Each structure stands twice: as C-alpha cells, then as structure tokens.
Protein backbone atom coordinates (compact mmCIF):
# COMPACT_ATOMS: atom_id res chain seq x y z
CA MET A 1 57.90 -31.55 -129.63
CA THR A 2 59.24 -30.62 -133.28
CA GLY A 3 58.92 -33.27 -136.54
CA LYS A 4 58.63 -32.38 -140.10
CA SER A 5 56.14 -33.76 -142.29
CA ARG A 6 54.87 -32.58 -145.91
CA LEU A 7 52.00 -30.65 -145.23
CA THR A 8 48.69 -30.60 -146.94
CA ASP A 9 45.62 -28.94 -145.62
CA ALA A 10 43.83 -31.64 -143.98
CA ALA A 11 47.05 -32.55 -141.99
CA VAL A 12 46.85 -28.73 -140.68
CA LYS A 13 43.62 -29.26 -139.60
CA ALA A 14 43.89 -32.07 -138.20
CA TYR A 15 46.80 -31.12 -135.88
CA ARG A 16 45.37 -30.63 -131.92
CA ALA A 17 46.98 -28.81 -129.36
CA GLU A 18 48.99 -30.24 -126.59
CA PRO A 19 50.43 -29.11 -123.22
CA ARG A 20 53.36 -27.95 -124.92
CA GLU A 21 53.24 -25.85 -127.73
CA TYR A 22 55.13 -27.42 -130.91
CA GLU A 23 56.23 -27.27 -134.69
CA VAL A 24 56.02 -29.42 -137.90
CA HIS A 25 58.35 -28.23 -140.31
CA ASP A 26 56.96 -28.32 -143.91
CA THR A 27 59.37 -30.80 -146.56
CA LEU A 28 58.02 -28.76 -149.88
CA ALA A 29 58.97 -25.01 -148.65
CA ASP A 30 62.61 -24.49 -146.87
CA GLY A 31 62.25 -23.17 -143.46
CA LEU A 32 58.43 -22.68 -143.44
CA ARG A 33 57.17 -24.13 -140.06
CA LEU A 34 53.47 -24.77 -138.01
CA ARG A 35 53.61 -23.52 -134.85
CA VAL A 36 50.85 -24.90 -132.72
CA GLY A 37 50.37 -23.03 -129.37
CA ARG A 38 49.04 -25.11 -126.16
CA GLY A 39 45.46 -23.35 -126.66
CA GLY A 40 45.38 -24.47 -130.37
CA THR A 41 46.33 -21.40 -132.09
CA LYS A 42 48.28 -22.47 -135.38
CA SER A 43 50.62 -19.89 -136.91
CA TRP A 44 52.93 -19.79 -139.93
CA THR A 45 56.89 -18.91 -139.59
CA VAL A 46 60.23 -18.84 -141.38
CA PHE A 47 62.92 -20.10 -139.49
CA TYR A 48 66.51 -18.91 -141.16
CA HIS A 49 69.91 -17.80 -140.33
CA ARG A 50 71.43 -14.27 -140.59
CA ASP A 51 74.69 -13.38 -138.90
CA GLY A 52 75.04 -16.12 -136.82
CA ARG A 53 72.01 -16.00 -135.35
CA ASN A 54 68.81 -17.86 -135.83
CA ARG A 55 65.73 -15.75 -136.85
CA ARG A 56 61.70 -16.28 -137.17
CA LEU A 57 59.52 -14.24 -139.48
CA GLY A 58 55.87 -14.29 -138.58
CA LEU A 59 53.50 -14.86 -141.64
CA GLY A 60 50.39 -14.94 -140.04
CA LYS A 61 47.80 -17.15 -138.27
CA TYR A 62 45.98 -20.33 -140.17
CA PRO A 63 43.46 -20.66 -141.56
CA VAL A 64 43.53 -16.61 -141.88
CA VAL A 65 46.77 -17.30 -144.09
CA SER A 66 45.96 -20.98 -146.26
CA LEU A 67 48.81 -23.29 -146.26
CA THR A 68 48.94 -22.06 -150.24
CA GLU A 69 50.18 -18.43 -149.33
CA ALA A 70 52.09 -19.30 -146.08
CA ARG A 71 54.13 -21.34 -149.08
CA THR A 72 54.29 -18.51 -151.21
CA LYS A 73 55.10 -15.91 -148.25
CA ALA A 74 58.03 -18.19 -147.16
CA ALA A 75 59.07 -18.21 -150.94
CA GLU A 76 59.48 -14.45 -151.01
CA ALA A 77 60.54 -13.73 -147.85
CA LEU A 78 63.86 -16.49 -148.06
CA GLY A 79 64.21 -14.73 -151.47
CA ARG A 80 64.98 -11.32 -149.99
CA ILE A 81 66.84 -13.30 -147.64
CA LYS A 82 69.32 -14.99 -149.81
CA GLY A 83 68.94 -12.89 -152.41
CA PRO A 84 71.78 -9.93 -153.56
CA GLU A 85 69.86 -7.41 -151.41
CA ARG A 86 70.58 -9.84 -148.18
CA GLY A 87 67.74 -8.50 -146.78
CA ASP A 88 66.33 -9.66 -143.06
CA PRO A 89 63.02 -9.72 -142.88
CA ALA A 90 62.69 -10.25 -139.23
CA ARG A 91 64.83 -7.20 -138.07
CA GLU A 92 62.83 -4.82 -140.31
CA VAL A 93 59.65 -6.12 -138.78
CA ALA A 94 61.22 -5.07 -135.42
CA LEU A 95 62.52 -1.79 -136.26
CA GLN A 96 58.44 -0.78 -137.77
CA ARG A 97 57.35 -1.76 -134.19
CA SER A 98 59.84 -0.09 -132.03
CA ALA A 99 60.27 3.26 -134.46
CA PRO A 100 59.97 6.55 -132.79
CA LEU A 101 57.22 8.70 -133.77
CA PHE A 102 57.90 11.41 -135.59
CA GLY A 103 57.53 13.99 -133.42
CA GLU A 104 59.51 12.12 -130.44
CA LEU A 105 62.21 12.46 -133.91
CA ALA A 106 61.85 15.93 -134.26
CA ASP A 107 62.64 16.75 -130.93
CA LEU A 108 65.20 14.76 -130.44
CA PHE A 109 66.53 16.54 -133.32
CA LEU A 110 65.77 20.32 -132.43
CA GLN A 111 68.09 18.74 -129.07
CA SER A 112 71.10 17.66 -131.51
CA GLN A 113 74.05 19.41 -132.23
CA HIS A 114 73.51 19.17 -135.70
CA PHE A 115 70.81 21.38 -135.10
CA GLU A 116 72.51 24.30 -132.81
CA THR A 117 75.35 24.28 -135.09
CA ARG A 118 73.95 25.70 -137.98
CA ALA A 119 73.07 29.78 -138.43
CA VAL A 120 70.53 31.55 -136.45
CA THR A 121 68.10 32.34 -139.05
CA THR A 122 68.47 28.95 -140.03
CA LYS A 123 67.31 27.64 -136.40
CA LYS A 124 64.68 29.97 -136.39
CA GLU A 125 62.87 29.23 -139.77
CA LEU A 126 63.67 25.24 -139.08
CA ARG A 127 61.87 24.93 -135.94
CA ARG A 128 58.86 27.14 -137.16
CA ILE A 129 58.44 24.62 -139.70
CA VAL A 130 58.89 21.48 -137.89
CA GLU A 131 56.50 23.19 -135.05
CA VAL A 132 53.49 24.89 -137.46
CA GLU A 133 54.02 23.02 -140.36
CA LEU A 134 55.49 19.19 -139.56
CA ARG A 135 54.25 18.23 -136.46
CA PRO A 136 50.42 18.87 -136.73
CA GLN A 137 50.80 16.40 -139.72
CA TRP A 138 52.98 13.66 -138.98
CA GLY A 139 53.80 14.01 -135.29
CA SER A 140 51.49 11.36 -134.12
CA ARG A 141 52.45 9.20 -136.78
CA LYS A 142 55.08 5.96 -136.33
CA LEU A 143 57.62 6.45 -138.90
CA SER A 144 57.32 2.98 -140.08
CA SER A 145 53.28 4.08 -141.03
CA ILE A 146 54.66 6.93 -143.20
CA GLU A 147 54.51 5.93 -146.50
CA ARG A 148 56.20 7.82 -149.71
CA HIS A 149 52.47 8.47 -151.23
CA GLU A 150 51.41 10.04 -148.30
CA ILE A 151 54.12 12.15 -148.27
CA GLN A 152 53.85 13.30 -152.23
CA ARG A 153 50.30 13.89 -151.69
CA TRP A 154 50.22 16.25 -148.98
CA GLY A 155 53.07 18.08 -150.94
CA ASP A 156 50.92 18.33 -153.61
CA LEU A 157 47.91 20.00 -151.34
CA LEU A 158 50.17 22.59 -150.09
CA ALA A 159 51.69 23.39 -153.65
CA SER A 160 47.65 23.11 -155.31
CA GLU A 161 47.08 25.90 -152.48
CA GLY A 162 49.58 28.52 -153.68
CA ARG A 163 52.39 27.30 -151.29
CA GLY A 164 55.11 25.82 -153.41
CA TYR A 165 57.69 26.75 -151.52
CA MET A 166 56.89 26.12 -148.02
CA ALA A 167 55.80 22.45 -149.48
CA ASN A 168 59.26 22.01 -150.46
CA ARG A 169 60.57 23.34 -147.45
CA CYS A 170 58.55 20.81 -145.64
CA ARG A 171 59.81 18.46 -148.07
CA GLU A 172 63.46 19.20 -147.54
CA TYR A 173 63.30 19.64 -143.72
CA MET A 174 61.29 16.30 -143.04
CA GLN A 175 63.99 14.70 -144.54
CA LEU A 176 66.56 16.38 -142.98
CA VAL A 177 65.23 15.06 -139.75
CA TRP A 178 64.66 11.48 -141.11
CA HIS A 179 68.24 10.90 -141.83
CA TRP A 180 69.44 12.48 -139.26
CA GLY A 181 67.58 10.22 -137.24
CA LEU A 182 69.16 7.39 -139.68
CA SER A 183 72.83 8.81 -139.06
CA ARG A 184 72.29 8.01 -135.31
CA ALA A 185 73.42 4.54 -134.00
CA ASP A 186 71.47 4.59 -130.71
CA LEU A 187 68.22 5.13 -132.47
CA THR A 188 65.14 2.72 -134.58
CA VAL A 189 64.61 4.68 -137.84
CA PRO A 190 63.04 2.88 -140.83
CA PRO A 191 64.75 3.22 -144.24
CA SER A 192 64.16 7.02 -145.92
CA PRO A 193 61.06 7.24 -148.01
CA PHE A 194 62.29 10.07 -149.71
CA TYR A 195 64.56 8.10 -152.36
CA LYS A 196 63.67 9.90 -156.03
CA LEU A 197 60.84 11.30 -153.89
CA PRO A 198 60.14 14.50 -156.66
CA LYS A 199 59.80 17.95 -155.36
CA PRO A 200 55.86 19.03 -155.00
CA PHE A 201 56.44 22.29 -156.15
CA LEU A 202 58.46 22.36 -160.03
CA GLY A 203 58.33 26.19 -160.38
CA GLU A 204 60.64 27.65 -157.66
CA VAL A 205 63.60 29.39 -158.88
CA PRO A 206 66.44 30.85 -157.50
CA ARG A 207 66.29 34.70 -156.82
CA ASP A 208 68.30 36.35 -159.40
CA ARG A 209 67.41 40.28 -158.49
CA VAL A 210 70.24 42.76 -159.64
CA LEU A 211 70.07 45.97 -158.98
CA SER A 212 70.22 48.40 -161.73
CA HIS A 213 72.67 51.90 -161.83
CA ALA A 214 69.55 54.00 -161.62
CA GLU A 215 68.25 51.79 -158.45
CA ILE A 216 71.85 51.72 -157.18
CA ARG A 217 71.53 55.79 -156.62
CA ALA A 218 67.92 55.71 -156.07
CA VAL A 219 69.40 53.63 -152.26
CA PHE A 220 72.21 55.89 -152.02
CA ASP A 221 69.68 59.42 -152.35
CA ALA A 222 67.71 57.14 -149.33
CA ILE A 223 70.65 56.92 -147.36
CA GLN A 224 71.32 60.05 -146.92
CA ARG A 225 68.04 60.19 -145.21
CA GLU A 226 68.71 56.95 -142.79
CA PRO A 227 69.99 57.15 -138.83
CA ARG A 228 73.67 57.29 -139.05
CA ILE A 229 74.43 53.58 -137.82
CA THR A 230 72.07 52.10 -140.86
CA ALA A 231 73.62 54.27 -143.24
CA ALA A 232 77.07 53.37 -142.80
CA TRP A 233 76.03 49.48 -142.34
CA TRP A 234 73.97 50.28 -146.01
CA ALA A 235 77.13 51.45 -147.81
CA MET A 236 79.63 48.92 -146.11
CA LEU A 237 76.99 45.70 -147.71
CA PHE A 238 77.96 47.56 -151.62
CA LEU A 239 81.50 48.40 -150.32
CA THR A 240 82.49 44.63 -149.16
CA ALA A 241 79.62 42.60 -150.50
CA ALA A 242 79.48 40.89 -147.36
CA ARG A 243 76.61 38.77 -145.98
CA ASP A 244 74.54 41.54 -144.76
CA ARG A 245 73.71 39.59 -141.30
CA SER A 246 76.32 37.37 -139.53
CA GLU A 247 79.10 39.29 -141.00
CA VAL A 248 78.48 42.63 -141.47
CA LEU A 249 75.65 43.12 -139.26
CA ARG A 250 77.12 41.24 -136.09
CA LEU A 251 80.56 42.84 -136.90
CA GLU A 252 82.99 43.33 -133.93
CA LYS A 253 85.39 46.11 -133.70
CA ARG A 254 88.48 43.44 -133.08
CA GLU A 255 87.49 41.50 -136.00
CA ILE A 256 89.22 45.13 -138.01
CA ASP A 257 92.59 44.55 -138.38
CA ARG A 258 93.94 48.59 -139.13
CA ASP A 259 97.34 47.35 -140.04
CA ARG A 260 97.20 44.90 -142.71
CA LYS A 261 93.68 46.82 -143.46
CA VAL A 262 91.33 44.12 -143.83
CA LEU A 263 88.42 42.53 -141.69
CA ILE A 264 88.94 38.89 -140.77
CA ILE A 265 85.60 37.44 -140.48
CA PRO A 266 85.96 34.48 -137.99
CA ARG A 267 84.50 30.83 -139.35
CA GLU A 268 81.46 30.52 -136.89
CA LYS A 269 80.15 33.88 -138.49
CA THR A 270 80.12 33.04 -141.81
CA LYS A 271 77.95 30.21 -144.23
CA ALA A 272 80.60 28.17 -145.31
CA LYS A 273 82.13 27.90 -142.13
CA ARG A 274 85.45 28.95 -143.70
CA ALA A 275 87.27 32.27 -142.07
CA LEU A 276 86.92 34.90 -144.36
CA VAL A 277 89.81 37.82 -144.85
CA LEU A 278 88.22 40.99 -146.45
CA PRO A 279 90.90 43.88 -148.06
CA LEU A 280 89.15 47.02 -147.07
CA SER A 281 89.07 49.68 -149.78
CA PRO A 282 90.03 53.53 -149.10
CA TRP A 283 86.47 54.29 -148.99
CA ALA A 284 85.33 51.58 -146.89
CA LEU A 285 87.83 52.52 -144.22
CA GLU A 286 86.88 56.24 -144.52
CA VAL A 287 83.18 54.66 -143.57
CA LEU A 288 84.55 52.63 -140.69
CA ASP A 289 86.93 55.49 -139.62
CA ALA A 290 83.42 57.85 -139.44
CA VAL A 291 81.17 55.38 -137.76
CA LEU A 292 83.21 53.85 -135.08
CA PRO A 293 83.11 56.66 -133.01
CA LEU A 294 79.06 56.84 -132.75
CA SER A 295 79.53 53.14 -131.38
CA ARG A 296 81.52 54.87 -127.91
CA ASP A 297 82.89 52.01 -125.97
CA LEU A 298 80.67 49.04 -127.15
CA SER A 299 82.76 46.12 -128.82
CA TRP A 300 79.79 46.09 -131.87
CA VAL A 301 80.69 47.69 -134.87
CA PHE A 302 76.93 48.84 -135.59
CA PRO A 303 75.20 48.26 -132.34
CA GLY A 304 71.36 48.22 -131.83
CA PRO A 305 69.14 51.19 -130.46
CA ARG A 306 69.50 49.99 -127.07
CA GLY A 307 73.34 49.73 -127.32
CA ASP A 308 73.83 46.51 -125.27
CA ARG A 309 74.24 44.43 -128.16
CA SER A 310 74.34 44.33 -132.27
CA MET A 311 71.85 45.56 -134.25
CA THR A 312 69.78 42.21 -134.76
CA SER A 313 67.05 42.66 -137.43
CA THR A 314 67.35 44.59 -141.14
CA ARG A 315 63.59 43.78 -141.97
CA ARG A 316 62.49 47.50 -140.70
CA ALA A 317 65.52 49.20 -142.23
CA ALA A 318 65.13 47.30 -145.05
CA ALA A 319 60.96 48.17 -145.06
CA ARG A 320 61.85 51.96 -144.74
CA LEU A 321 64.70 52.07 -147.18
CA GLN A 322 62.92 50.72 -149.81
CA GLU A 323 60.06 53.26 -149.06
CA ARG A 324 62.38 56.03 -149.50
CA ALA A 325 63.74 54.93 -152.71
CA GLY A 326 60.71 54.11 -154.08
CA ILE A 327 61.42 50.70 -155.47
CA GLU A 328 61.41 46.56 -154.49
CA PHE A 329 64.28 44.47 -153.52
CA GLN A 330 65.96 42.59 -150.91
CA VAL A 331 68.86 42.89 -148.59
CA ARG A 332 70.70 39.99 -150.15
CA ASP A 333 70.03 41.32 -153.30
CA ILE A 334 73.17 43.52 -152.64
CA ARG A 335 75.42 40.79 -152.44
CA ARG A 336 74.26 39.72 -156.12
CA THR A 337 74.44 43.10 -157.42
CA VAL A 338 77.73 43.38 -156.15
CA ALA A 339 79.28 40.06 -157.30
CA SER A 340 77.50 40.77 -161.05
CA GLY A 341 78.88 44.36 -160.67
CA MET A 342 82.43 43.46 -160.50
CA THR A 343 82.34 40.87 -163.46
CA GLU A 344 80.83 43.39 -165.55
CA ILE A 345 84.09 45.52 -165.30
CA GLY A 346 86.26 42.62 -166.01
CA ILE A 347 87.59 41.23 -162.40
CA ASP A 348 87.75 38.02 -163.21
CA PRO A 349 84.96 35.50 -161.69
CA GLU A 350 87.27 33.59 -159.52
CA THR A 351 88.57 36.62 -157.32
CA VAL A 352 85.16 37.41 -156.89
CA ASP A 353 83.79 33.81 -155.66
CA ARG A 354 86.89 34.58 -153.31
CA VAL A 355 85.13 37.57 -152.23
CA LEU A 356 82.06 36.23 -151.69
CA ASN A 357 84.24 33.35 -149.75
CA HIS A 358 82.67 30.76 -152.06
CA ALA A 359 84.65 27.28 -152.84
CA ILE A 360 87.17 27.46 -155.05
CA PRO A 361 87.46 23.66 -156.94
CA SER A 362 91.55 23.28 -156.58
CA GLU A 363 91.32 24.15 -152.85
CA ALA A 364 88.60 21.69 -151.88
CA ARG A 365 90.86 18.63 -150.41
CA VAL A 366 92.93 21.10 -148.31
CA THR A 367 91.07 23.45 -147.36
CA ASN A 368 89.88 21.43 -143.85
CA VAL A 369 93.76 21.02 -143.63
CA TYR A 370 94.80 24.35 -144.23
CA GLN A 371 92.22 26.44 -143.54
CA THR A 372 94.20 29.36 -142.04
CA SER A 373 96.87 29.71 -145.09
CA LEU A 374 93.84 29.31 -147.50
CA MET A 375 91.94 32.21 -145.89
CA TRP A 376 94.74 34.66 -146.67
CA ALA A 377 95.23 33.07 -150.51
CA LYS A 378 95.47 35.79 -152.96
CA LEU A 379 94.68 38.49 -151.09
CA ASN A 380 95.99 40.93 -153.57
CA GLU A 381 93.69 40.06 -156.17
CA LYS A 382 90.59 40.49 -153.66
CA ARG A 383 92.20 44.05 -152.75
CA SER A 384 92.79 45.66 -156.48
CA ALA A 385 89.13 44.35 -156.76
CA LEU A 386 87.37 45.86 -154.24
CA GLU A 387 89.25 48.63 -154.86
CA ARG A 388 88.47 48.56 -158.37
CA TRP A 389 84.44 48.20 -157.62
CA ALA A 390 84.70 50.90 -155.24
CA GLU A 391 86.11 53.55 -157.39
CA HIS A 392 83.87 52.21 -160.36
CA LEU A 393 80.75 52.59 -157.38
CA ASP A 394 81.88 56.09 -157.16
CA GLN A 395 82.51 57.38 -160.24
CA VAL A 396 80.49 55.80 -162.76
CA ILE A 397 77.55 54.53 -161.01
CA LEU A 398 76.67 57.20 -158.64
CA LYS A 399 78.50 59.91 -160.93
CA GLY A 400 81.40 61.38 -158.49
CA ARG A 401 79.17 61.72 -155.65
CA GLY A 402 79.07 58.66 -153.48
CA ARG A 403 81.71 59.54 -151.01
CA GLN A 404 79.75 62.61 -150.25
CA ILE A 405 76.41 60.97 -149.93
CA VAL A 406 77.83 58.78 -147.63
CA ARG A 407 79.88 61.47 -145.07
CA ARG A 408 77.24 63.53 -145.26
CA ALA A 409 74.61 60.66 -143.87
CA ILE A 410 76.97 59.24 -141.63
CA SER A 411 77.91 62.84 -139.85
CA THR A 412 74.73 64.31 -139.99
CA ALA A 413 73.21 63.83 -136.97
CA ARG A 414 69.03 63.97 -136.94
CA ASN A 415 66.38 65.02 -135.07
CA SER A 416 63.49 62.89 -136.27
CA GLU A 417 64.18 59.16 -138.21
CA GLY A 418 60.03 59.60 -140.08
CA TRP A 419 57.36 56.89 -139.50
CA ASN A 420 59.88 54.25 -137.99
CA SER A 421 61.86 54.93 -134.44
CA TRP A 422 64.44 51.65 -135.14
CA ALA A 423 68.59 52.36 -134.78
CA SER A 424 68.51 55.39 -132.91
CA MET A 425 72.13 55.43 -132.06
CA GLY A 426 72.34 58.56 -134.87
CA ARG A 427 69.62 60.85 -133.57
CA LEU A 428 70.31 63.57 -131.85
CA PRO A 429 69.49 63.34 -128.11
CA LYS A 430 65.79 64.35 -126.84
CA PRO A 431 65.54 67.06 -124.51
CA LEU A 432 63.62 65.80 -121.08
CA LYS A 433 60.59 66.59 -120.59
CA PRO A 434 60.19 66.71 -116.05
CA ARG A 435 56.75 65.31 -115.02
CA GLU A 436 54.31 67.52 -113.76
CA THR A 437 53.07 66.49 -110.25
CA TRP A 438 49.71 66.32 -109.17
CA ASN A 439 49.77 69.37 -106.61
CA GLN A 440 51.74 71.26 -109.43
CA ARG A 441 48.88 70.49 -111.98
CA LYS A 442 46.36 71.38 -109.73
CA ALA A 443 48.56 74.86 -108.88
CA ARG A 444 48.85 75.56 -112.75
CA LEU A 445 44.95 74.60 -113.59
CA GLU A 446 43.67 77.10 -110.95
CA SER A 447 45.85 80.04 -112.41
CA GLU A 448 44.18 79.45 -115.64
CA GLY A 449 40.66 79.24 -114.39
CA ARG A 450 39.87 75.33 -113.94
CA ASP A 451 38.97 72.97 -111.44
CA LEU A 452 41.81 69.91 -111.69
CA VAL A 453 39.06 67.80 -109.66
CA ALA A 454 35.96 68.24 -111.71
CA GLU A 455 38.06 67.52 -114.81
CA HIS A 456 38.51 64.44 -113.86
CA ARG A 457 34.98 62.87 -112.80
CA MET A 458 34.03 64.41 -116.14
CA ARG A 459 37.29 61.98 -118.03
CA GLN A 460 36.01 58.78 -115.91
CA ALA A 461 32.12 59.72 -116.80
CA ALA A 462 33.01 59.48 -120.01
CA LEU A 463 34.97 56.69 -120.23
CA ARG A 464 32.48 55.10 -118.26
CA ARG A 465 29.95 56.04 -121.08
CA THR A 466 32.06 54.68 -123.54
CA ARG A 467 32.77 51.71 -122.27
CA GLY A 468 28.92 50.74 -122.29
CA PRO A 469 26.46 49.41 -119.89
CA ARG A 470 27.36 47.34 -117.27
CA GLY A 471 26.96 43.10 -117.76
CA PRO A 472 24.17 41.52 -116.05
CA GLY A 473 26.42 40.02 -113.51
CA ARG A 474 28.07 43.43 -112.64
CA SER A 475 26.15 46.14 -110.63
CA ALA A 476 27.56 49.40 -108.98
CA GLY A 477 28.71 48.04 -106.27
CA ASN A 478 30.73 44.93 -107.82
CA THR A 479 32.97 47.70 -109.72
C-alpha cells in the first residue's frame, strides 16, 4: 500500500504494521517517504530518478531520525542530485559498502601490468614500501573508511619521527595505488582523498651534488686500484653521462654499433621509455676495446663476478671507491657532474638534454609516432658535445693523465682487490690448493712427531668447554 499525506509527528507515531510493508509519501518534502515494515519498523527514504532508473537513498530509522531531520536530509540529498555536481548518493553508498580493503587493492596493483612495466629498482622500492609501511597501517581498512585527515596525520607523524623522505614516499605510493584502482572499470573504488592534500614533509629538496675538479681527480686515482671490469665501468659513466644501472651496468655487446661509433640503448632500458643513441668519443671506444676481451664470449660488456649475467649492483663498488677516494658522493652524481661540465664548456643546453635523453618540448607531439627517426636527431651535435667533454676531462680536469690512468687500470691484472671481493673478473687466477685427505694429514703429522687422533680429541674437548654446561634436559647419552 502506498499513500500520500502531510506527515506530522503524531501521524508518524500512529502508523501501524500491516501484513505487507507500505510507504507514505510526505507532501511537504519532495521525494521523502516513510516506509513501515511488517514488523512495525519505520524508516525514511528519498526516492529519485537517475539515468532512467528509480533509486532510493536511506536516511535512517524513526524515531532515531525525526521527521524534521528526515526532511532536512532529504532536501540536502536532492540538492546534490539536482545541483551542478549531479551527484548520485545511493550509488555512493553502494560504492562505500562494496569498496575493497586497501591491502586487497595493493595486491591487485602489485600483480598488474602497470607495476610490472616499471624499472627494476622502482619495483623493488615500491613493493618494499607497500609491504613494510602501507600494509601494516592501512591493509585491513576499507577504502571507504579512510579519511583525508587520517592520511595527513599519519604523514605528519612519520615526518615528526625524522622520516620526512619516507613520509612523502608513502603518501606518493598510496596515492598511486588508489588512483590505479580508480582507473579500473572492474573495481569499485571511492573517490580519491588526495585532492590538494599537501605533502607531509616540505623540507625535501632535489639532490644537486656536483663533483669538483679535485674530486674527479681523486675518483680517477682511486679507479686505478679497482678491478678491471669496474674500472672500465666507472670510466664509461664519465664519458657517456648514461644512467649507471640500466644503460651502462647492463650494457650488451649487441648494443654497440662499431660502424657508426654509437651505443643504441633500447627503450626498454631507458627511464624515459625512449630509445637512445649515444655517440662514442675516441676515448670511450678505447675503453670498450680494452674491456671487451675480459668478458670473453659473454653477451654482457660488464659481466658480474659469476660470469652468467651482467653486474647487478653498484652499492659495493661505490662504497669501495668512496673509501679509496676519500670523498662522499653517489653514483648518479656523475651524470649530473658530466651535464654541468658540458654546459660549463659552452655546449648548448638542448644538446645536453639530448645526450641525457630528456624530452625536447618541440618534439613532444610527434615522439610517439616518429620514435625511430627522432632518436637519431642532432647526432652530429651530440657527438661533438661528447668529444669536447672527453677532451676537456682528459686535458683540463685530469691534466693530460686521464687516458693513461684508465688504460693502466684496465690492462693491469691484480692479485688482491682490498677489503671487498666483489667483481673479480679482472683478477689474476688464484692457484688451487689440493685438499689434504685424512690419511695424508695423519702421515704428515706423524712425520712431525704429532698424533692426529689425540689432537682431534683435544679440539673436541675444547669445543665442548666453550659451549658451556649441558642444559637440564640433556645428558651425556642424549648428545
């Protein structure tokens, strides 16, 4: 049964349950209805149309929500529905109820193609922050229950603990996961709470470390004591301004074009996802000629210590070189140092950007369509820039000793590499000592007037003494 009436408090109280539930329309509030269930329960709803369908929005039960409050809520809901924002309150409530947990959304994101196409180091760091920071805090929360002020307070708490950088990364990666969910048509994700939400830590500034000439000389002096493979790798970083891991560390022999004297880095390895053509200066070609025989028949220019793949980490090599050079820097600072040095000697900034594989605004519209042709653009200018820089590095910064230092570092085999045994491809092979058998050792000790069995028993007794007394549940027969 459905009827219309000018509802009053007394009339609402007077309605009684019937065998079937029924509704009463309030004539003073557009769309407001009182629903009376078979058990006598009374509740308020707003009835409206959206996209050709009838929708209902629950406002609460009577008498918890009075008639006056119901009329006020109905007017607010209809204002959102018919106003400029054209809202759909019933759908928003349904979204909140069906929204996934943040942990579930994070799992889907980590399995998505959007995540897999990122750089290896980015994937590793993103996964670590999701598992270590975001999941313990938000993993069991429904997305619809997470409020803006909660996110901001959590970021402020991390920043107050001296973790400002991590606070910004957590905020950035949480937003990344949330917005990825919004882009999926098969997921029910509430609107983003990150709109105009400020960063929790405002003291983060981009790194601007540039090595001075004296520091560059100290680095090259330290390169002379590096393994031959890593010595060549350090030199190529200074001669090409390429990215240390993806473009140089994992350089393959097939990416070297000797006829055109260039490196052709495929788009899969570059951060910008654009193929890069890097001209090779005579000094860079000399370094490659010296280091390629060390990798034998492997496909990598800089193989790792086991020889089955390229070098995968620069952490130990960087720590070793910093200790030997006596200066503090990061490997990525070399790229910035080379770019600054090229600009210092008068090379056009646009040409420097092309060497660094930065986007050129005038080519942004056609990059995706004419990718193959654009990667060869301004090749002569890039070649001239890198050759001028190599000459400046050798003659001015290193005072004519650059080529000699690198040549000697790559050609001289070493018996010892200091405190770190990483990257041993450039070492002299160590002689293998034959392992002594029990009988051989017994005979040798007898020739020296010693008893092997007695010495073995003495060592076992000393070992038992160092282990301390037996526990309460152990005895000599249980050992």
